[in-house]
């Protein structure tokens, strides 16, 4: 790779997102100044910075709590979704028996389950982690099943012609072919994981950025609420790009095929 191509790649990876963030912040600041919007309704960027500087330690602690809830719930959902998807993809009978129930459970609004989780599990972190799992599980399951069941027939026939066992075919053919689709579900689930954690924290506002947002609404501290929202946005971008980086590491050939 030449120096020009490396510079171009660095600009596309780092420069363009930074430029987009700067332009969005400038438009936000210009809107609050042009329309003379009160900070109570829409704080300007300096008001949000003041909120950060006012409570940096508190915001850092609540961000860490939300991050842990998100990561733990996402990990459980990813492990469970991947394992169940393998089981369903391996047996059409099990798929027809189990998948309708899973789809029905997923159709239930998760916000409606939040009060019940408090009754069943309690007011600790466990209920918030379960909420994360509920939101992330189904997209990971469906994307993994879609990938595992989309193996081209010619590749499956090639594996059978080489007398490969089911596990050999799965590990050497079906799983590599399914990885791009699996990562689609994982990347979608990163944002859903944060949403699940915030739902749990708003319903039970003891700790986390969701509790910060809930208490800010009660005290009319809109800049502090925006500070928490920006931290959530940064967390979502971080998790998404971590998944994207892992995808590029494990599936480097997918980008070459699709480009």
Protein backbone atom coordinates (compact mmCIF):
# COMPACT_ATOMS: atom_id res chain seq x y z
CA UNK A 1 0.00 0.00 0.00
CA UNK A 2 1.46 3.35 -1.07
CA UNK A 3 1.70 6.45 1.10
CA UNK A 4 -1.13 8.16 -0.80
CA UNK A 5 -3.46 5.20 -0.36
CA UNK A 6 -2.62 5.00 3.36
CA UNK A 7 -3.35 8.71 3.76
CA UNK A 8 -6.61 8.30 1.85
CA UNK A 9 -7.61 5.35 4.03
CA UNK A 10 -6.76 7.31 7.19
CA UNK A 11 -8.83 10.26 5.97
CA UNK A 12 -11.80 8.02 5.19
CA UNK A 13 -11.54 6.21 8.53
CA UNK A 14 -10.81 9.13 10.86
CA UNK A 15 -11.05 12.41 8.98
CA UNK A 16 -14.51 12.08 7.49
CA UNK A 17 -16.24 10.99 10.75
CA UNK A 18 -14.49 13.83 12.61
CA UNK A 19 -15.54 16.32 9.93
CA UNK A 20 -19.13 15.08 10.14
CA UNK A 21 -19.14 15.51 13.92
CA UNK A 22 -17.74 19.04 13.64
CA UNK A 23 -20.32 20.04 11.02
CA UNK A 24 -23.18 18.57 13.07
CA UNK A 25 -22.00 20.39 16.21
CA UNK A 26 -21.67 23.64 14.27
CA UNK A 27 -25.19 23.30 12.86
CA UNK A 28 -26.52 22.55 16.34
CA UNK A 29 -24.77 25.61 17.79
CA UNK A 30 -25.93 27.82 14.91
CA UNK A 31 -29.53 26.67 15.36
CA UNK A 32 -29.60 27.54 19.07
CA UNK A 33 -28.12 30.98 18.31
CA UNK A 34 -30.21 31.80 15.21
CA UNK A 35 -33.54 30.84 16.80
CA UNK A 36 -32.59 32.04 20.31
CA UNK A 37 -33.54 28.72 21.86
CA UNK A 38 -33.49 28.60 25.66
CA UNK A 39 -31.08 26.04 27.20
CA UNK A 40 -34.06 24.47 28.99
CA UNK A 41 -35.41 23.32 25.60
CA UNK A 42 -32.19 22.81 23.61
CA UNK A 43 -28.85 23.63 25.23
CA UNK A 44 -26.03 24.90 23.05
CA UNK A 45 -22.76 22.92 22.90
CA UNK A 46 -21.06 25.25 25.48
CA UNK A 47 -23.90 24.50 27.94
CA UNK A 48 -23.32 20.77 27.50
CA UNK A 49 -19.57 21.23 27.98
CA UNK A 50 -20.30 23.12 31.22
CA UNK A 51 -22.41 20.18 32.38
CA UNK A 52 -19.51 17.82 31.67
CA UNK A 53 -17.12 20.03 33.61
CA UNK A 54 -19.57 20.41 36.48
CA UNK A 55 -19.85 16.67 37.21
CA UNK A 56 -17.02 14.84 35.41
CA UNK A 57 -16.49 12.17 38.07
CA UNK A 58 -20.19 11.44 38.45
CA UNK A 59 -20.72 11.15 34.69
CA UNK A 60 -17.68 8.90 34.31
CA UNK A 61 -18.94 6.59 37.06
CA UNK A 62 -22.45 6.36 35.61
CA UNK A 63 -21.03 5.78 32.13
CA UNK A 64 -18.99 2.85 33.42
CA UNK A 65 -22.07 1.32 35.07
CA UNK A 66 -24.10 1.55 31.87
CA UNK A 67 -21.16 0.22 29.86
CA UNK A 68 -20.83 -2.86 32.08
CA UNK A 69 -24.55 -3.59 31.90
CA UNK A 70 -24.43 -3.23 28.12
CA UNK A 71 -21.36 -5.42 27.62
CA UNK A 72 -22.52 -8.20 29.94
CA UNK A 73 -26.01 -8.32 28.43
CA UNK A 74 -24.64 -8.15 24.89
CA UNK A 75 -22.23 -11.00 25.59
CA UNK A 76 -24.98 -13.21 27.00
CA UNK A 77 -27.29 -12.43 24.08
CA UNK A 78 -24.53 -13.08 21.53
CA UNK A 79 -23.58 -16.43 23.07
CA UNK A 80 -27.18 -17.56 23.45
CA UNK A 81 -28.27 -16.33 20.03
CA UNK A 82 -25.36 -17.98 18.23
CA UNK A 83 -25.81 -21.32 20.01
CA UNK A 84 -29.56 -21.44 19.47
CA UNK A 85 -29.17 -20.42 15.83
CA UNK A 86 -26.79 -23.34 15.25
CA UNK A 87 -29.31 -25.70 16.84
CA UNK A 88 -32.22 -24.36 14.79
CA UNK A 89 -30.22 -24.37 11.56
CA UNK A 90 -29.19 -27.99 12.20
CA UNK A 91 -32.74 -29.29 12.65
CA UNK A 92 -35.79 -28.15 10.69
CA UNK A 93 -38.00 -29.92 13.23
CA UNK A 94 -36.59 -27.95 16.15
CA UNK A 95 -36.78 -24.73 14.11
CA UNK A 96 -40.47 -25.19 13.31
CA UNK A 97 -41.20 -26.05 16.94
CA UNK A 98 -39.25 -23.25 18.64
CA UNK A 99 -38.99 -20.30 16.26
CA UNK A 100 -42.70 -19.25 16.40
CA UNK A 101 -42.50 -19.01 20.19
CA UNK A 102 -39.32 -16.93 20.01
CA UNK A 103 -40.91 -14.61 17.44
CA UNK A 104 -43.96 -14.21 19.67
CA UNK A 105 -41.83 -13.38 22.71
CA UNK A 106 -39.85 -10.86 20.67
CA UNK A 107 -43.07 -9.15 19.59
CA UNK A 108 -43.92 -8.28 23.20
CA UNK A 109 -42.91 -4.64 23.91
CA UNK A 110 -39.86 -4.76 26.15
CA UNK A 111 -40.93 -1.64 28.03
CA UNK A 112 -43.99 -3.58 29.18
CA UNK A 113 -41.73 -6.27 30.62
CA UNK A 114 -39.55 -3.85 32.60
CA UNK A 115 -41.90 -3.57 35.64
CA UNK A 116 -42.31 -7.36 35.68
CA UNK A 117 -38.54 -7.83 35.65
CA UNK A 118 -38.32 -5.68 38.77
CA UNK A 119 -40.85 -7.98 40.47
CA UNK A 120 -39.20 -11.20 39.29
CA UNK A 121 -35.52 -10.27 39.60
CA UNK A 122 -35.38 -7.24 41.87
CA UNK A 123 -33.95 -3.74 41.71
CA UNK A 124 -30.32 -4.64 41.08
CA UNK A 125 -28.27 -4.72 37.91
CA UNK A 126 -29.62 -8.13 36.94
CA UNK A 127 -32.94 -6.77 35.67
CA UNK A 128 -31.15 -4.25 33.45
CA UNK A 129 -28.87 -6.93 32.04
CA UNK A 130 -31.88 -9.11 31.27
CA UNK A 131 -33.46 -6.17 29.43
CA UNK A 132 -30.31 -5.86 27.32
CA UNK A 133 -30.46 -9.59 26.53
CA UNK A 134 -34.11 -9.38 25.51
CA UNK A 135 -33.45 -6.61 23.00
CA UNK A 136 -30.27 -8.09 21.52
CA UNK A 137 -31.10 -11.79 21.36
CA UNK A 138 -33.55 -11.92 18.47
CA UNK A 139 -31.57 -9.86 15.89
CA UNK A 140 -28.46 -11.98 16.56
CA UNK A 141 -30.47 -15.20 16.30
CA UNK A 142 -32.19 -14.26 13.05
CA UNK A 143 -29.08 -12.93 11.33
CA UNK A 144 -27.10 -16.02 12.31
CA UNK A 145 -29.81 -18.35 11.07
CA UNK A 146 -30.03 -16.42 7.82
CA UNK A 147 -26.32 -16.80 7.31
CA UNK A 148 -26.19 -20.48 8.22
CA UNK A 149 -29.10 -21.39 5.95
CA UNK A 150 -27.85 -19.43 2.93
CA UNK A 151 -24.87 -21.63 2.07
CA UNK A 152 -24.77 -22.11 -1.73
CA UNK A 153 -25.73 -25.60 -2.87
CA UNK A 154 -22.53 -26.04 -4.87
CA UNK A 155 -20.41 -25.54 -1.74
CA UNK A 156 -22.54 -28.01 0.20
CA UNK A 157 -22.27 -30.52 -2.64
CA UNK A 158 -18.51 -30.04 -2.74
CA UNK A 159 -18.26 -30.80 0.99
CA UNK A 160 -20.37 -33.94 0.57
CA UNK A 161 -18.27 -35.07 -2.39
CA UNK A 162 -15.19 -34.84 -0.16
CA UNK A 163 -16.93 -37.02 2.47
CA UNK A 164 -16.89 -34.20 5.01
CA UNK A 165 -18.82 -34.78 8.22
CA UNK A 166 -21.57 -32.44 9.42
CA UNK A 167 -19.22 -30.66 11.79
CA UNK A 168 -16.49 -30.38 9.17
CA UNK A 169 -18.98 -28.90 6.72
CA UNK A 170 -20.25 -26.54 9.39
CA UNK A 171 -16.81 -25.30 10.47
CA UNK A 172 -15.19 -25.13 7.02
CA UNK A 173 -18.10 -24.08 4.82
CA UNK A 174 -21.29 -22.93 6.53
CA UNK A 175 -19.81 -20.87 9.37
CA UNK A 176 -17.31 -18.91 7.21
CA UNK A 177 -20.05 -18.22 4.68
CA UNK A 178 -22.39 -17.04 7.45
CA UNK A 179 -19.92 -14.74 9.22
CA UNK A 180 -20.76 -11.55 7.27
CA UNK A 181 -24.47 -12.02 8.04
CA UNK A 182 -23.70 -12.83 11.67
CA UNK A 183 -21.79 -9.57 12.06
CA UNK A 184 -24.75 -7.67 10.63
CA UNK A 185 -26.83 -8.90 13.57
CA UNK A 186 -24.04 -8.20 16.05
CA UNK A 187 -23.60 -4.63 14.83
CA UNK A 188 -27.35 -3.99 14.97
CA UNK A 189 -27.43 -5.45 18.48
CA UNK A 190 -24.79 -3.03 19.80
CA UNK A 191 -27.20 -0.09 19.65
CA UNK A 192 -30.08 -2.22 20.93
CA UNK A 193 -27.94 -3.24 23.91
CA UNK A 194 -27.54 0.39 24.95
CA UNK A 195 -31.26 1.00 24.48
CA UNK A 196 -32.03 -1.99 26.71
CA UNK A 197 -29.71 -0.77 29.44
CA UNK A 198 -31.24 2.72 29.35
CA UNK A 199 -34.79 1.34 29.51
CA UNK A 200 -33.87 -0.59 32.63
CA UNK A 201 -32.15 2.40 34.19
CA UNK A 202 -35.03 4.79 33.48
CA UNK A 203 -37.56 2.35 34.95
CA UNK A 204 -35.29 1.78 37.95
CA UNK A 205 -33.24 5.03 38.20
CA UNK A 206 -30.68 4.01 40.78
CA UNK A 207 -27.50 4.22 38.72
CA UNK A 208 -26.27 4.59 35.15
CA UNK A 209 -26.71 7.21 32.46
CA UNK A 210 -30.41 6.39 32.22
CA UNK A 211 -30.76 7.42 35.86
CA UNK A 212 -28.87 10.64 35.06
CA UNK A 213 -31.34 11.41 32.26
CA UNK A 214 -34.33 10.62 34.50
CA UNK A 215 -33.08 12.80 37.36
CA UNK A 216 -32.15 15.60 34.93
CA UNK A 217 -35.71 15.65 33.65
CA UNK A 218 -37.05 15.99 37.18
CA UNK A 219 -34.63 18.83 37.99
CA UNK A 220 -35.00 20.52 34.56
CA UNK A 221 -31.24 20.21 34.00
CA UNK A 222 -31.42 19.74 30.23
CA UNK A 223 -27.68 20.32 29.60
CA UNK A 224 -26.83 17.43 31.95
CA UNK A 225 -29.32 15.20 30.13
CA UNK A 226 -27.68 16.11 26.83
CA UNK A 227 -24.27 15.34 28.31
CA UNK A 228 -25.52 11.86 29.19
CA UNK A 229 -27.02 11.45 25.71
CA UNK A 230 -23.72 12.38 24.08
CA UNK A 231 -21.90 9.83 26.23
CA UNK A 232 -24.42 7.21 25.12
CA UNK A 233 -23.87 8.16 21.48
CA UNK A 234 -20.11 7.85 21.91
CA UNK A 235 -20.56 4.48 23.60
CA UNK A 236 -22.76 3.27 20.75
CA UNK A 237 -20.23 4.39 18.14
CA UNK A 238 -17.40 2.72 20.07
CA UNK A 239 -19.22 -0.63 20.30
CA UNK A 240 -20.28 -0.49 16.65
CA UNK A 241 -16.77 0.17 15.40
CA UNK A 242 -15.36 -2.51 17.71
CA UNK A 243 -17.69 -4.99 16.02
CA UNK A 244 -16.75 -3.60 12.61
CA UNK A 245 -13.05 -3.95 13.44
CA UNK A 246 -13.57 -7.51 14.62
CA UNK A 247 -15.43 -8.24 11.39
CA UNK A 248 -12.54 -6.90 9.29
CA UNK A 249 -10.16 -9.05 11.34
CA UNK A 250 -12.15 -12.28 11.07
CA UNK A 251 -13.75 -11.79 7.65
CA UNK A 252 -11.23 -9.82 5.57
CA UNK A 253 -12.42 -11.44 2.37
CA UNK A 254 -16.03 -10.22 2.68
CA UNK A 255 -15.17 -6.61 1.83
CA UNK A 256 -13.14 -7.71 -1.19
CA UNK A 257 -16.03 -9.82 -2.51
CA UNK A 258 -18.67 -7.11 -2.01
CA UNK A 259 -16.58 -4.23 -3.41
